Amino acid sequence: MKERITKNGIDYVLVGDYYIPDLKLPEEKRPIGKYGRMHREYLRENNPILFNDLVLSCKLWTYLADINNQAQERLQVIISQM
């Protein structure tokens, strides 16, 4: 048996007697921070469909990091206006 195969555009790796998909998550280095964590809990409780869609498409971490950056920028603007 081959160690690696590609079928339907997905790479599979032979582990024991089974082929397991070789899936890799996108690497996101930015932290989600306080506001990202708060928004994650909000999505989990109030919009589970969007939450599940983001998790399954591997875009949740990037989305939360963007939300955190936006909140930090708005906070800086508010503080500078005070």
PDB file of N, CA and C in Angstrom:
ATOM      1  N   MET A   1       0.838  -1.177   0.000  1.00  0.00           N
ATOM      2  CA  MET A   1       0.000   0.000   0.000  1.00  0.00           C
ATOM      3  C   MET A   1       0.886   1.245   0.000  1.00  0.00           C
ATOM      4  N   LYS A   2       0.442   2.253  -0.731  1.00  0.00           N
ATOM      5  CA  LYS A   2       1.186   3.503  -0.774  1.00  0.00           C
ATOM      6  C   LYS A   2       1.024   4.248   0.546  1.00  0.00           C
ATOM      7  N   GLU A   3       2.075   4.987   0.944  1.00  0.00           N
ATOM      8  CA  GLU A   3       2.020   5.735   2.194  1.00  0.00           C
ATOM      9  C   GLU A   3       1.153   6.976   2.068  1.00  0.00           C
ATOM     10  N   ARG A   4       1.145   7.622   0.882  1.00  0.00           N
ATOM     11  CA  ARG A   4       0.335   8.819   0.631  1.00  0.00           C
ATOM     12  C   ARG A   4      -0.406   8.657  -0.686  1.00  0.00           C
ATOM     13  N   ILE A   5      -1.681   9.059  -0.674  1.00  0.00           N
ATOM     14  CA  ILE A   5      -2.458   9.087  -1.913  1.00  0.00           C
ATOM     15  C   ILE A   5      -3.246  10.395  -1.958  1.00  0.00           C
ATOM     16  N   THR A   6      -3.658  10.768  -3.156  1.00  0.00           N
ATOM     17  CA  THR A   6      -4.512  11.939  -3.338  1.00  0.00           C
ATOM     18  C   THR A   6      -5.761  11.498  -4.069  1.00  0.00           C
ATOM     19  N   LYS A   7      -6.897  11.816  -3.482  1.00  0.00           N
ATOM     20  CA  LYS A   7      -8.175  11.442  -4.072  1.00  0.00           C
ATOM     21  C   LYS A   7      -9.147  12.597  -3.866  1.00  0.00           C
ATOM     22  N   ASN A   8      -9.811  13.008  -4.923  1.00  0.00           N
ATOM     23  CA  ASN A   8     -10.759  14.128  -4.866  1.00  0.00           C
ATOM     24  C   ASN A   8     -10.121  15.412  -4.356  1.00  0.00           C
ATOM     25  N   GLY A   9      -8.841  15.593  -4.619  1.00  0.00           N
ATOM     26  CA  GLY A   9      -8.152  16.805  -4.205  1.00  0.00           C
ATOM     27  C   GLY A   9      -7.731  16.827  -2.750  1.00  0.00           C
ATOM     28  N   ILE A  10      -7.875  15.716  -2.049  1.00  0.00           N
ATOM     29  CA  ILE A  10      -7.501  15.639  -0.632  1.00  0.00           C
ATOM     30  C   ILE A  10      -6.381  14.621  -0.495  1.00  0.00           C
ATOM     31  N   ASP A  11      -5.327  14.992   0.235  1.00  0.00           N
ATOM     32  CA  ASP A  11      -4.216  14.075   0.499  1.00  0.00           C
ATOM     33  C   ASP A  11      -4.569  13.173   1.671  1.00  0.00           C
ATOM     34  N   TYR A  12      -4.228  11.894   1.531  1.00  0.00           N
ATOM     35  CA  TYR A  12      -4.460  10.918   2.590  1.00  0.00           C
ATOM     36  C   TYR A  12      -3.135  10.283   2.963  1.00  0.00           C
ATOM     37  N   VAL A  13      -2.971   9.999   4.277  1.00  0.00           N
ATOM     38  CA  VAL A  13      -1.761   9.373   4.792  1.00  0.00           C
ATOM     39  C   VAL A  13      -2.141   8.020   5.368  1.00  0.00           C
ATOM     40  N   LEU A  14      -1.322   7.017   5.080  1.00  0.00           N
ATOM     41  CA  LEU A  14      -1.566   5.679   5.593  1.00  0.00           C
ATOM     42  C   LEU A  14      -1.114   5.600   7.045  1.00  0.00           C
ATOM     43  N   VAL A  15      -2.057   5.296   7.933  1.00  0.00           N
ATOM     44  CA  VAL A  15      -1.760   5.114   9.357  1.00  0.00           C
ATOM     45  C   VAL A  15      -2.304   3.747   9.730  1.00  0.00           C
ATOM     46  N   GLY A  16      -1.396   2.821   9.980  1.00  0.00           N
ATOM     47  CA  GLY A  16      -1.819   1.441  10.233  1.00  0.00           C
ATOM     48  C   GLY A  16      -2.405   0.861   8.960  1.00  0.00           C
ATOM     49  N   ASP A  17      -3.676   0.470   9.009  1.00  0.00           N
ATOM     50  CA  ASP A  17      -4.362  -0.079   7.844  1.00  0.00           C
ATOM     51  C   ASP A  17      -5.336   0.911   7.216  1.00  0.00           C
ATOM     52  N   TYR A  18      -5.377   2.142   7.725  1.00  0.00           N
ATOM     53  CA  TYR A  18      -6.374   3.106   7.281  1.00  0.00           C
ATOM     54  C   TYR A  18      -5.726   4.347   6.678  1.00  0.00           C
ATOM     55  N   TYR A  19      -6.402   4.936   5.712  1.00  0.00           N
ATOM     56  CA  TYR A  19      -5.987   6.218   5.155  1.00  0.00           C
ATOM     57  C   TYR A  19      -6.758   7.328   5.873  1.00  0.00           C
ATOM     58  N   ILE A  20      -6.009   8.259   6.432  1.00  0.00           N
ATOM     59  CA  ILE A  20      -6.600   9.375   7.170  1.00  0.00           C
ATOM     60  C   ILE A  20      -6.309  10.656   6.400  1.00  0.00           C
ATOM     61  N   PRO A  21      -7.301  11.564   6.263  1.00  0.00           N
ATOM     62  CA  PRO A  21      -7.049  12.818   5.539  1.00  0.00           C
ATOM     63  C   PRO A  21      -5.927  13.623   6.195  1.00  0.00           C
ATOM     64  N   ASP A  22      -5.059  14.163   5.369  1.00  0.00           N
ATOM     65  CA  ASP A  22      -3.947  14.987   5.848  1.00  0.00           C
ATOM     66  C   ASP A  22      -4.392  16.447   5.810  1.00  0.00           C
ATOM     67  N   LEU A  23      -5.163  16.844   6.826  1.00  0.00           N
ATOM     68  CA  LEU A  23      -5.716  18.192   6.895  1.00  0.00           C
ATOM     69  C   LEU A  23      -4.818  19.072   7.743  1.00  0.00           C
ATOM     70  N   LYS A  24      -4.633  20.303   7.301  1.00  0.00           N
ATOM     71  CA  LYS A  24      -3.814  21.257   8.044  1.00  0.00           C
ATOM     72  C   LYS A  24      -4.600  22.541   8.222  1.00  0.00           C
ATOM     73  N   LEU A  25      -4.597  23.058   9.434  1.00  0.00           N
ATOM     74  CA  LEU A  25      -5.258  24.324   9.709  1.00  0.00           C
ATOM     75  C   LEU A  25      -4.370  25.473   9.257  1.00  0.00           C
ATOM     76  N   PRO A  26      -4.975  26.567   8.805  1.00  0.00           N
ATOM     77  CA  PRO A  26      -4.159  27.725   8.453  1.00  0.00           C
ATOM     78  C   PRO A  26      -3.480  28.279   9.707  1.00  0.00           C
ATOM     79  N   GLU A  27      -2.254  28.714   9.545  1.00  0.00           N
ATOM     80  CA  GLU A  27      -1.518  29.219  10.701  1.00  0.00           C
ATOM     81  C   GLU A  27      -1.840  30.686  10.912  1.00  0.00           C
ATOM     82  N   GLU A  28      -2.386  30.987  12.060  1.00  0.00           N
ATOM     83  CA  GLU A  28      -2.709  32.357  12.439  1.00  0.00           C
ATOM     84  C   GLU A  28      -1.898  32.676  13.684  1.00  0.00           C
ATOM     85  N   LYS A  29      -1.044  33.664  13.588  1.00  0.00           N
ATOM     86  CA  LYS A  29      -0.133  33.989  14.680  1.00  0.00           C
ATOM     87  C   LYS A  29      -0.698  35.040  15.630  1.00  0.00           C
ATOM     88  N   ARG A  30      -1.715  35.785  15.185  1.00  0.00           N
ATOM     89  CA  ARG A  30      -2.241  36.862  16.022  1.00  0.00           C
ATOM     90  C   ARG A  30      -3.059  36.303  17.179  1.00  0.00           C
ATOM     91  N   PRO A  31      -2.932  36.880  18.371  1.00  0.00           N
ATOM     92  CA  PRO A  31      -3.769  36.441  19.497  1.00  0.00           C
ATOM     93  C   PRO A  31      -5.181  37.000  19.343  1.00  0.00           C
ATOM     94  N   ILE A  32      -6.157  36.305  19.912  1.00  0.00           N
ATOM     95  CA  ILE A  32      -7.528  36.792  19.800  1.00  0.00           C
ATOM     96  C   ILE A  32      -7.837  37.823  20.879  1.00  0.00           C
ATOM     97  N   GLY A  33      -7.104  37.850  21.954  1.00  0.00           N
ATOM     98  CA  GLY A  33      -7.265  38.886  22.972  1.00  0.00           C
ATOM     99  C   GLY A  33      -8.602  38.837  23.702  1.00  0.00           C
ATOM    100  N   LYS A  34      -8.790  39.848  24.527  1.00  0.00           N
ATOM    101  CA  LYS A  34      -9.983  39.937  25.372  1.00  0.00           C
ATOM    102  C   LYS A  34     -11.257  40.048  24.552  1.00  0.00           C
ATOM    103  N   TYR A  35     -11.268  40.940  23.572  1.00  0.00           N
ATOM    104  CA  TYR A  35     -12.485  41.185  22.799  1.00  0.00           C
ATOM    105  C   TYR A  35     -12.789  40.032  21.855  1.00  0.00           C
ATOM    106  N   GLY A  36     -11.778  39.363  21.374  1.00  0.00           N
ATOM    107  CA  GLY A  36     -11.999  38.176  20.554  1.00  0.00           C
ATOM    108  C   GLY A  36     -12.625  37.058  21.362  1.00  0.00           C
ATOM    109  N   ARG A  37     -12.149  36.883  22.590  1.00  0.00           N
ATOM    110  CA  ARG A  37     -12.732  35.850  23.459  1.00  0.00           C
ATOM    111  C   ARG A  37     -14.174  36.183  23.816  1.00  0.00           C
ATOM    112  N   MET A  38     -14.432  37.480  24.081  1.00  0.00           N
ATOM    113  CA  MET A  38     -15.801  37.893  24.399  1.00  0.00           C
ATOM    114  C   MET A  38     -16.724  37.648  23.209  1.00  0.00           C
ATOM    115  N   HIS A  39     -16.253  37.955  22.009  1.00  0.00           N
ATOM    116  CA  HIS A  39     -17.073  37.757  20.818  1.00  0.00           C
ATOM    117  C   HIS A  39     -17.281  36.270  20.537  1.00  0.00           C
ATOM    118  N   ARG A  40     -16.273  35.450  20.823  1.00  0.00           N
ATOM    119  CA  ARG A  40     -16.435  33.997  20.650  1.00  0.00           C
ATOM    120  C   ARG A  40     -17.550  33.470  21.541  1.00  0.00           C
ATOM    121  N   GLU A  41     -17.590  33.916  22.790  1.00  0.00           N
ATOM    122  CA  GLU A  41     -18.656  33.479  23.701  1.00  0.00           C
ATOM    123  C   GLU A  41     -20.015  33.988  23.235  1.00  0.00           C
ATOM    124  N   TYR A  42     -20.036  35.224  22.729  1.00  0.00           N
ATOM    125  CA  TYR A  42     -21.291  35.768  22.194  1.00  0.00           C
ATOM    126  C   TYR A  42     -21.785  34.908  21.023  1.00  0.00           C
ATOM    127  N   LEU A  43     -20.894  34.591  20.099  1.00  0.00           N
ATOM    128  CA  LEU A  43     -21.289  33.751  18.957  1.00  0.00           C
ATOM    129  C   LEU A  43     -21.753  32.379  19.412  1.00  0.00           C
ATOM    130  N   ARG A  44     -21.037  31.810  20.359  1.00  0.00           N
ATOM    131  CA  ARG A  44     -21.375  30.466  20.833  1.00  0.00           C
ATOM    132  C   ARG A  44     -22.785  30.442  21.432  1.00  0.00           C
ATOM    133  N   GLU A  45     -23.150  31.503  22.173  1.00  0.00           N
ATOM    134  CA  GLU A  45     -24.445  31.532  22.846  1.00  0.00           C
ATOM    135  C   GLU A  45     -25.575  32.048  21.964  1.00  0.00           C
ATOM    136  N   ASN A  46     -25.310  33.067  21.130  1.00  0.00           N
ATOM    137  CA  ASN A  46     -26.383  33.758  20.423  1.00  0.00           C
ATOM    138  C   ASN A  46     -26.447  33.506  18.926  1.00  0.00           C
ATOM    139  N   ASN A  47     -25.378  33.025  18.318  1.00  0.00           N
ATOM    140  CA  ASN A  47     -25.389  32.765  16.889  1.00  0.00           C
ATOM    141  C   ASN A  47     -24.601  31.486  16.590  1.00  0.00           C
ATOM    142  N   PRO A  48     -25.119  30.346  17.059  1.00  0.00           N
ATOM    143  CA  PRO A  48     -24.361  29.091  16.911  1.00  0.00           C
ATOM    144  C   PRO A  48     -24.175  28.661  15.458  1.00  0.00           C
ATOM    145  N   ILE A  49     -25.051  29.079  14.559  1.00  0.00           N
ATOM    146  CA  ILE A  49     -24.897  28.698  13.150  1.00  0.00           C
ATOM    147  C   ILE A  49     -23.650  29.350  12.568  1.00  0.00           C
ATOM    148  N   LEU A  50     -23.477  30.653  12.803  1.00  0.00           N
ATOM    149  CA  LEU A  50     -22.277  31.342  12.324  1.00  0.00           C
ATOM    150  C   LEU A  50     -21.029  30.784  13.008  1.00  0.00           C
ATOM    151  N   PHE A  51     -21.129  30.517  14.303  1.00  0.00           N
ATOM    152  CA  PHE A  51     -20.001  29.958  15.045  1.00  0.00           C
ATOM    153  C   PHE A  51     -19.556  28.630  14.435  1.00  0.00           C
ATOM    154  N   ASN A  52     -20.505  27.739  14.194  1.00  0.00           N
ATOM    155  CA  ASN A  52     -20.175  26.430  13.610  1.00  0.00           C
ATOM    156  C   ASN A  52     -19.627  26.568  12.201  1.00  0.00           C
ATOM    157  N   ASP A  53     -20.179  27.497  11.424  1.00  0.00           N
ATOM    158  CA  ASP A  53     -19.687  27.723  10.066  1.00  0.00           C
ATOM    159  C   ASP A  53     -18.233  28.188  10.091  1.00  0.00           C
ATOM    160  N   LEU A  54     -17.901  29.112  10.986  1.00  0.00           N
ATOM    161  CA  LEU A  54     -16.524  29.596  11.093  1.00  0.00           C
ATOM    162  C   LEU A  54     -15.573  28.497  11.575  1.00  0.00           C
ATOM    163  N   VAL A  55     -16.029  27.682  12.503  1.00  0.00           N
ATOM    164  CA  VAL A  55     -15.187  26.583  13.001  1.00  0.00           C
ATOM    165  C   VAL A  55     -14.922  25.573  11.893  1.00  0.00           C
ATOM    166  N   LEU A  56     -15.964  25.179  11.191  1.00  0.00           N
ATOM    167  CA  LEU A  56     -15.813  24.147  10.160  1.00  0.00           C
ATOM    168  C   LEU A  56     -15.029  24.635   8.945  1.00  0.00           C
ATOM    169  N   SER A  57     -15.044  25.931   8.689  1.00  0.00           N
ATOM    170  CA  SER A  57     -14.279  26.460   7.560  1.00  0.00           C
ATOM    171  C   SER A  57     -12.880  26.912   7.986  1.00  0.00           C
ATOM    172  N   CYS A  58     -12.518  26.690   9.251  1.00  0.00           N
ATOM    173  CA  CYS A  58     -11.207  27.037   9.803  1.00  0.00           C
ATOM    174  C   CYS A  58     -10.919  28.538   9.724  1.00  0.00           C
ATOM    175  N   LYS A  59     -11.943  29.351   9.854  1.00  0.00           N
ATOM    176  CA  LYS A  59     -11.775  30.794   9.796  1.00  0.00           C
ATOM    177  C   LYS A  59     -12.063  31.479  11.119  1.00  0.00           C
ATOM    178  N   LEU A  60     -12.378  30.715  12.157  1.00  0.00           N
ATOM    179  CA  LEU A  60     -12.775  31.314  13.430  1.00  0.00           C
ATOM    180  C   LEU A  60     -11.657  32.150  14.029  1.00  0.00           C
ATOM    181  N   TRP A  61     -10.445  31.616  14.093  1.00  0.00           N
ATOM    182  CA  TRP A  61      -9.346  32.317  14.751  1.00  0.00           C
ATOM    183  C   TRP A  61      -9.030  33.628  14.030  1.00  0.00           C
ATOM    184  N   THR A  62      -9.003  33.610  12.701  1.00  0.00           N
ATOM    185  CA  THR A  62      -8.737  34.819  11.925  1.00  0.00           C
ATOM    186  C   THR A  62      -9.842  35.838  12.145  1.00  0.00           C
ATOM    187  N   TYR A  63     -11.082  35.390  12.142  1.00  0.00           N
ATOM    188  CA  TYR A  63     -12.227  36.267  12.373  1.00  0.00           C
ATOM    189  C   TYR A  63     -12.141  36.923  13.746  1.00  0.00           C
ATOM    190  N   LEU A  64     -11.826  36.143  14.771  1.00  0.00           N
ATOM    191  CA  LEU A  64     -11.739  36.683  16.123  1.00  0.00           C
ATOM    192  C   LEU A  64     -10.550  37.629  16.286  1.00  0.00           C
ATOM    193  N   ALA A  65      -9.436  37.337  15.633  1.00  0.00           N
ATOM    194  CA  ALA A  65      -8.284  38.234  15.676  1.00  0.00           C
ATOM    195  C   ALA A  65      -8.625  39.563  15.010  1.00  0.00           C
ATOM    196  N   ASP A  66      -9.378  39.527  13.908  1.00  0.00           N
ATOM    197  CA  ASP A  66      -9.812  40.764  13.244  1.00  0.00           C
ATOM    198  C   ASP A  66     -10.741  41.569  14.149  1.00  0.00           C
ATOM    199  N   ILE A  67     -11.680  40.892  14.801  1.00  0.00           N
ATOM    200  CA  ILE A  67     -12.599  41.564  15.735  1.00  0.00           C
ATOM    201  C   ILE A  67     -11.808  42.221  16.859  1.00  0.00           C
ATOM    202  N   ASN A  68     -10.826  41.508  17.399  1.00  0.00           N
ATOM    203  CA  ASN A  68     -10.017  42.060  18.479  1.00  0.00           C
ATOM    204  C   ASN A  68      -9.255  43.302  18.009  1.00  0.00           C
ATOM    205  N   ASN A  69      -8.686  43.268  16.816  1.00  0.00           N
ATOM    206  CA  ASN A  69      -7.965  44.427  16.290  1.00  0.00           C
ATOM    207  C   ASN A  69      -8.894  45.621  16.102  1.00  0.00           C
ATOM    208  N   GLN A  70     -10.087  45.381  15.578  1.00  0.00           N
ATOM    209  CA  GLN A  70     -11.048  46.463  15.402  1.00  0.00           C
ATOM    210  C   GLN A  70     -11.440  47.076  16.744  1.00  0.00           C
ATOM    211  N   ALA A  71     -11.683  46.241  17.735  1.00  0.00           N
ATOM    212  CA  ALA A  71     -12.065  46.739  19.057  1.00  0.00           C
ATOM    213  C   ALA A  71     -10.922  47.536  19.685  1.00  0.00           C
ATOM    214  N   GLN A  72      -9.683  47.073  19.536  1.00  0.00           N
ATOM    215  CA  GLN A  72      -8.539  47.800  20.075  1.00  0.00           C
ATOM    216  C   GLN A  72      -8.391  49.162  19.403  1.00  0.00           C
ATOM    217  N   GLU A  73      -8.576  49.214  18.086  1.00  0.00           N
ATOM    218  CA  GLU A  73      -8.482  50.486  17.359  1.00  0.00           C
ATOM    219  C   GLU A  73      -9.570  51.453  17.806  1.00  0.00           C
ATOM    220  N   ARG A  74     -10.793  50.957  17.959  1.00  0.00           N
ATOM    221  CA  ARG A  74     -11.886  51.818  18.422  1.00  0.00           C
ATOM    222  C   ARG A  74     -11.627  52.315  19.839  1.00  0.00           C
ATOM    223  N   LEU A  75     -11.089  51.468  20.689  1.00  0.00           N
ATOM    224  CA  LEU A  75     -10.768  51.867  22.052  1.00  0.00           C
ATOM    225  C   LEU A  75      -9.717  52.975  22.054  1.00  0.00           C
ATOM    226  N   GLN A  76      -8.717  52.863  21.198  1.00  0.00           N
ATOM    227  CA  GLN A  76      -7.686  53.888  21.113  1.00  0.00           C
ATOM    228  C   GLN A  76      -8.277  55.215  20.646  1.00  0.00           C
ATOM    229  N   VAL A  77      -9.214  55.175  19.696  1.00  0.00           N
ATOM    230  CA  VAL A  77      -9.856  56.398  19.211  1.00  0.00           C
ATOM    231  C   VAL A  77     -10.673  57.044  20.332  1.00  0.00           C
ATOM    232  N   ILE A  78     -11.424  56.246  21.068  1.00  0.00           N
ATOM    233  CA  ILE A  78     -12.225  56.762  22.166  1.00  0.00           C
ATOM    234  C   ILE A  78     -11.350  57.377  23.242  1.00  0.00           C
ATOM    235  N   ILE A  79     -10.264  56.708  23.574  1.00  0.00           N
ATOM    236  CA  ILE A  79      -9.373  57.223  24.600  1.00  0.00           C
ATOM    237  C   ILE A  79      -8.724  58.523  24.149  1.00  0.00           C
ATOM    238  N   SER A  80      -8.334  58.605  22.877  1.00  0.00           N
ATOM    239  CA  SER A  80      -7.701  59.839  22.387  1.00  0.00           C
ATOM    240  C   SER A  80      -8.696  60.993  22.333  1.00  0.00           C
ATOM    241  N   GLN A  81      -9.978  60.710  22.180  1.00  0.00           N
ATOM    242  CA  GLN A  81     -10.985  61.762  22.147  1.00  0.00           C
ATOM    243  C   GLN A  81     -11.372  62.267  23.529  1.00  0.00           C
ATOM    244  N   MET A  82     -11.029  61.535  24.545  1.00  0.00           N
ATOM    245  CA  MET A  82     -11.407  61.938  25.917  1.00  0.00           C
ATOM    246  C   MET A  82     -10.558  63.080  26.419  1.00  0.00           C
TER     247      MET A  82
END
